[in-house]
């Protein structure tokens, strides 16, 4: 199953997972230090829902943002 919303085209985004160690300077430490940076993916919250389009009922893969905005009509 594709990880893309069929209505808005929302797809996985990439980013970094940053690990920091140490105590902040404001709390009396020597500051936070970055010890590791790894790539990660932010996946969209996709749901498989039944939609009514032109008198027919279809199953579509839609993100929850589109469902909340009312871009689909449920049968």
C-alpha atoms as a PDB file:
ATOM      1  CA  UNK A   1       0.000   0.000   0.000  1.00  0.00           C
ATOM      2  CA  UNK A   2       1.316   3.402  -0.971  1.00  0.00           C
ATOM      3  CA  UNK A   3       1.972   5.922   1.803  1.00  0.00           C
ATOM      4  CA  UNK A   4       0.422   8.811  -0.149  1.00  0.00           C
ATOM      5  CA  UNK A   5      -2.937  10.506   0.454  1.00  0.00           C
ATOM      6  CA  UNK A   6      -5.122  10.156  -2.640  1.00  0.00           C
ATOM      7  CA  UNK A   7      -6.724  13.593  -2.150  1.00  0.00           C
ATOM      8  CA  UNK A   8      -4.002  16.029  -1.102  1.00  0.00           C
ATOM      9  CA  UNK A   9      -0.885  14.073  -2.082  1.00  0.00           C
ATOM     10  CA  UNK A  10       0.630  14.156   1.408  1.00  0.00           C
ATOM     11  CA  UNK A  11       3.586  11.763   1.528  1.00  0.00           C
ATOM     12  CA  UNK A  12       6.380  10.774   3.925  1.00  0.00           C
ATOM     13  CA  UNK A  13       8.770  13.582   4.840  1.00  0.00           C
ATOM     14  CA  UNK A  14      12.366  13.145   5.945  1.00  0.00           C
ATOM     15  CA  UNK A  15      14.161  14.695   8.868  1.00  0.00           C
ATOM     16  CA  UNK A  16      16.669  14.051  11.608  1.00  0.00           C
ATOM     17  CA  UNK A  17      16.522  12.456  15.036  1.00  0.00           C
ATOM     18  CA  UNK A  18      18.936  14.409  17.235  1.00  0.00           C
ATOM     19  CA  UNK A  19      20.280  12.992  20.519  1.00  0.00           C
ATOM     20  CA  UNK A  20      21.537  15.575  23.016  1.00  0.00           C
ATOM     21  CA  UNK A  21      23.389  14.944  26.275  1.00  0.00           C
ATOM     22  CA  UNK A  22      24.448  17.131  29.135  1.00  0.00           C
ATOM     23  CA  UNK A  23      22.890  19.727  31.382  1.00  0.00           C
ATOM     24  CA  UNK A  24      21.743  23.072  30.015  1.00  0.00           C
ATOM     25  CA  UNK A  25      23.828  26.126  30.887  1.00  0.00           C
ATOM     26  CA  UNK A  26      20.774  27.779  32.435  1.00  0.00           C
ATOM     27  CA  UNK A  27      20.594  24.869  34.873  1.00  0.00           C
ATOM     28  CA  UNK A  28      24.251  25.092  35.863  1.00  0.00           C
ATOM     29  CA  UNK A  29      25.769  22.676  33.351  1.00  0.00           C
ATOM     30  CA  UNK A  30      28.264  23.148  30.539  1.00  0.00           C
ATOM     31  CA  UNK A  31      25.600  23.046  27.837  1.00  0.00           C
ATOM     32  CA  UNK A  32      23.912  20.439  25.686  1.00  0.00           C
ATOM     33  CA  UNK A  33      26.042  18.503  23.215  1.00  0.00           C
ATOM     34  CA  UNK A  34      24.813  16.634  20.148  1.00  0.00           C
ATOM     35  CA  UNK A  35      26.056  13.058  20.260  1.00  0.00           C
ATOM     36  CA  UNK A  36      24.169  11.451  17.395  1.00  0.00           C
ATOM     37  CA  UNK A  37      22.162  12.501  14.327  1.00  0.00           C
ATOM     38  CA  UNK A  38      20.267   9.843  12.398  1.00  0.00           C
ATOM     39  CA  UNK A  39      17.827  10.140   9.517  1.00  0.00           C
ATOM     40  CA  UNK A  40      14.164   9.406  10.152  1.00  0.00           C
ATOM     41  CA  UNK A  41      10.842   9.553   8.315  1.00  0.00           C
ATOM     42  CA  UNK A  42       7.673  11.388   9.293  1.00  0.00           C
ATOM     43  CA  UNK A  43       4.809   9.256   7.973  1.00  0.00           C
ATOM     44  CA  UNK A  44       1.337  10.698   7.254  1.00  0.00           C
ATOM     45  CA  UNK A  45      -1.591   9.358   9.271  1.00  0.00           C
ATOM     46  CA  UNK A  46      -3.417   7.498   6.492  1.00  0.00           C
ATOM     47  CA  UNK A  47      -6.744   5.744   6.918  1.00  0.00           C
ATOM     48  CA  UNK A  48      -8.594   3.473   4.505  1.00  0.00           C
ATOM     49  CA  UNK A  49     -12.147   4.847   4.334  1.00  0.00           C
ATOM     50  CA  UNK A  50     -15.223   4.305   2.199  1.00  0.00           C
ATOM     51  CA  UNK A  51     -16.182   7.357   0.156  1.00  0.00           C
ATOM     52  CA  UNK A  52     -19.163   8.110  -2.031  1.00  0.00           C
ATOM     53  CA  UNK A  53     -18.301   9.595  -5.419  1.00  0.00           C
ATOM     54  CA  UNK A  54     -20.774   9.969  -8.243  1.00  0.00           C
ATOM     55  CA  UNK A  55     -23.192   7.388  -6.882  1.00  0.00           C
ATOM     56  CA  UNK A  56     -20.527   4.735  -6.383  1.00  0.00           C
ATOM     57  CA  UNK A  57     -18.836   3.704  -3.152  1.00  0.00           C
ATOM     58  CA  UNK A  58     -15.039   3.449  -3.264  1.00  0.00           C
ATOM     59  CA  UNK A  59     -12.307   2.707  -0.775  1.00  0.00           C
ATOM     60  CA  UNK A  60      -9.688   5.457  -0.679  1.00  0.00           C
ATOM     61  CA  UNK A  61      -6.493   5.959   1.280  1.00  0.00           C
ATOM     62  CA  UNK A  62      -6.909   9.392   2.858  1.00  0.00           C
ATOM     63  CA  UNK A  63      -4.990  11.310   5.519  1.00  0.00           C
ATOM     64  CA  UNK A  64      -6.807  12.310   8.691  1.00  0.00           C
ATOM     65  CA  UNK A  65      -6.399  16.008   7.874  1.00  0.00           C
ATOM     66  CA  UNK A  66      -8.567  15.542   4.757  1.00  0.00           C
ATOM     67  CA  UNK A  67     -11.152  13.582   6.756  1.00  0.00           C
ATOM     68  CA  UNK A  68     -11.388  16.353   9.380  1.00  0.00           C
ATOM     69  CA  UNK A  69     -11.683  19.061   6.720  1.00  0.00           C
ATOM     70  CA  UNK A  70     -14.607  17.243   5.132  1.00  0.00           C
ATOM     71  CA  UNK A  71     -13.015  16.650   1.735  1.00  0.00           C
ATOM     72  CA  UNK A  72     -14.708  13.252   1.533  1.00  0.00           C
ATOM     73  CA  UNK A  73     -18.351  12.272   1.794  1.00  0.00           C
ATOM     74  CA  UNK A  74     -19.087   9.062   3.634  1.00  0.00           C
ATOM     75  CA  UNK A  75     -21.916   6.830   2.349  1.00  0.00           C
END
